[in-house]
Structure formats: structure tokens, C-alpha cells
C-alpha atoms as a PDB file:
ATOM      1  CA  MET A   1       0.000   0.000   0.000  1.00  0.00           C
ATOM      2  CA  LEU A   2       1.376   3.396  -0.989  1.00  0.00           C
ATOM      3  CA  VAL A   3       0.512   6.358   1.227  1.00  0.00           C
ATOM      4  CA  LEU A   4      -0.287   9.334  -1.007  1.00  0.00           C
ATOM      5  CA  GLU A   5      -1.466  11.835   1.629  1.00  0.00           C
ATOM      6  CA  GLY A   6      -1.778  11.932   5.399  1.00  0.00           C
ATOM      7  CA  LYS A   7      -0.453   9.414   7.886  1.00  0.00           C
ATOM      8  CA  LEU A   8      -1.536   5.947   8.992  1.00  0.00           C
ATOM      9  CA  THR A   9      -0.511   3.102  11.273  1.00  0.00           C
ATOM     10  CA  VAL A  10      -0.655  -0.537  10.167  1.00  0.00           C
ATOM     11  CA  THR A  11      -0.522  -3.382  12.700  1.00  0.00           C
ATOM     12  CA  SER A  12       0.054  -7.000  11.682  1.00  0.00           C
ATOM     13  CA  GLY A  13       0.779  -9.582  14.352  1.00  0.00           C
ATOM     14  CA  ALA A  14       3.434  -8.135  16.679  1.00  0.00           C
ATOM     15  CA  SER A  15       4.608  -5.542  14.125  1.00  0.00           C
ATOM     16  CA  THR A  16       3.393  -1.935  13.886  1.00  0.00           C
ATOM     17  CA  VAL A  17       4.447   0.497  11.143  1.00  0.00           C
ATOM     18  CA  THR A  18       3.608   4.193  10.806  1.00  0.00           C
ATOM     19  CA  ALA A  19       3.799   5.597   7.276  1.00  0.00           C
ATOM     20  CA  GLY A  20       3.376   8.985   5.624  1.00  0.00           C
ATOM     21  CA  PRO A  21       3.303  10.378   2.077  1.00  0.00           C
ATOM     22  CA  GLY A  22       5.563   8.513  -0.351  1.00  0.00           C
ATOM     23  CA  GLU A  23       6.070   5.526   1.953  1.00  0.00           C
ATOM     24  CA  ILE A  24       5.100   1.951   1.128  1.00  0.00           C
ATOM     25  CA  VAL A  25       3.664  -0.560   3.604  1.00  0.00           C
ATOM     26  CA  TYR A  26       4.044  -4.236   2.657  1.00  0.00           C
ATOM     27  CA  MET A  27       1.239  -6.524   3.824  1.00  0.00           C
ATOM     28  CA  PRO A  28       1.925 -10.239   3.210  1.00  0.00           C
ATOM     29  CA  LYS A  29      -0.799 -12.433   1.749  1.00  0.00           C
ATOM     30  CA  GLY A  30      -2.910 -14.119   4.416  1.00  0.00           C
ATOM     31  CA  GLU A  31      -1.949 -11.725   7.223  1.00  0.00           C
ATOM     32  CA  THR A  32      -4.635  -9.992   9.257  1.00  0.00           C
ATOM     33  CA  VAL A  33      -3.915  -6.263   9.415  1.00  0.00           C
ATOM     34  CA  THR A  34      -5.457  -3.298  11.207  1.00  0.00           C
ATOM     35  CA  ILE A  35      -5.147   0.110   9.563  1.00  0.00           C
ATOM     36  CA  HIS A  36      -5.701   3.341  11.516  1.00  0.00           C
ATOM     37  CA  SER A  37      -5.502   6.780   9.937  1.00  0.00           C
ATOM     38  CA  HIS A  38      -4.316   9.679  12.061  1.00  0.00           C
ATOM     39  CA  GLU A  39      -6.276  12.895  12.704  1.00  0.00           C
ATOM     40  CA  GLN A  40      -5.923  14.290   9.185  1.00  0.00           C
ATOM     41  CA  GLY A  41      -6.919  10.978   7.542  1.00  0.00           C
ATOM     42  CA  ALA A  42      -5.027   9.322   4.702  1.00  0.00           C
ATOM     43  CA  VAL A  43      -5.247   8.671   0.969  1.00  0.00           C
ATOM     44  CA  THR A  44      -3.670   5.420  -0.239  1.00  0.00           C
ATOM     45  CA  ALA A  45      -3.180   3.340  -3.367  1.00  0.00           C
ATOM     46  CA  TYR A  46      -3.473  -0.403  -2.807  1.00  0.00           C
ATOM     47  CA  VAL A  47      -2.438  -2.877  -5.493  1.00  0.00           C
ATOM     48  CA  THR A  48      -3.141  -6.605  -5.550  1.00  0.00           C
ATOM     49  CA  TYR A  49      -2.219  -9.178  -8.158  1.00  0.00           C
ATOM     50  CA  PRO A  50      -2.921 -12.865  -8.784  1.00  0.00           C
ATOM     51  CA  HIS A  51      -0.244 -15.328  -7.880  1.00  0.00           C
ATOM     52  CA  TRP A  52       1.860 -15.196 -11.048  1.00  0.00           C
ATOM     53  CA  GLN A  53       2.721 -18.909 -11.166  1.00  0.00           C
ATOM     54  CA  GLU A  54      -0.956 -19.915 -10.916  1.00  0.00           C
ATOM     55  CA  ALA A  55      -1.895 -17.286 -13.529  1.00  0.00           C
ATOM     56  CA  ARG A  56       0.604 -18.716 -16.049  1.00  0.00           C
ATOM     57  CA  GLY A  57      -1.188 -22.074 -16.111  1.00  0.00           C
END
């Protein structure tokens, strides 16, 4: 997830990351994450893709 504006905190398991504009947060497949935006909110871009080996056939 790419943070475009604002600031957010992402928690996954025992790890917590705070990110701001221009920073990328990696979230592994299958992980449960909690995302909290700070007071000013946040705008993000989130990209997903199929598993490339399965997609090749």
C-alpha cells in the first residue's frame, strides 16, 4: 500500500508500522492487518495481483 497523503498506522501480528506520504507498507498475503488513519486521515493506493505462477497455467 502506498501512502499518497496523510499518515496511517498498520498493525500486523506483533509488528506496527507508521507511514506517511511517499512511503510503502508491505502486507503479506494471508496476514490480518489493522489500519488506523491519524487525525488528518489518509489517501492510499493499494495494489493486488494474482499469484503469477498460478496465472501462467
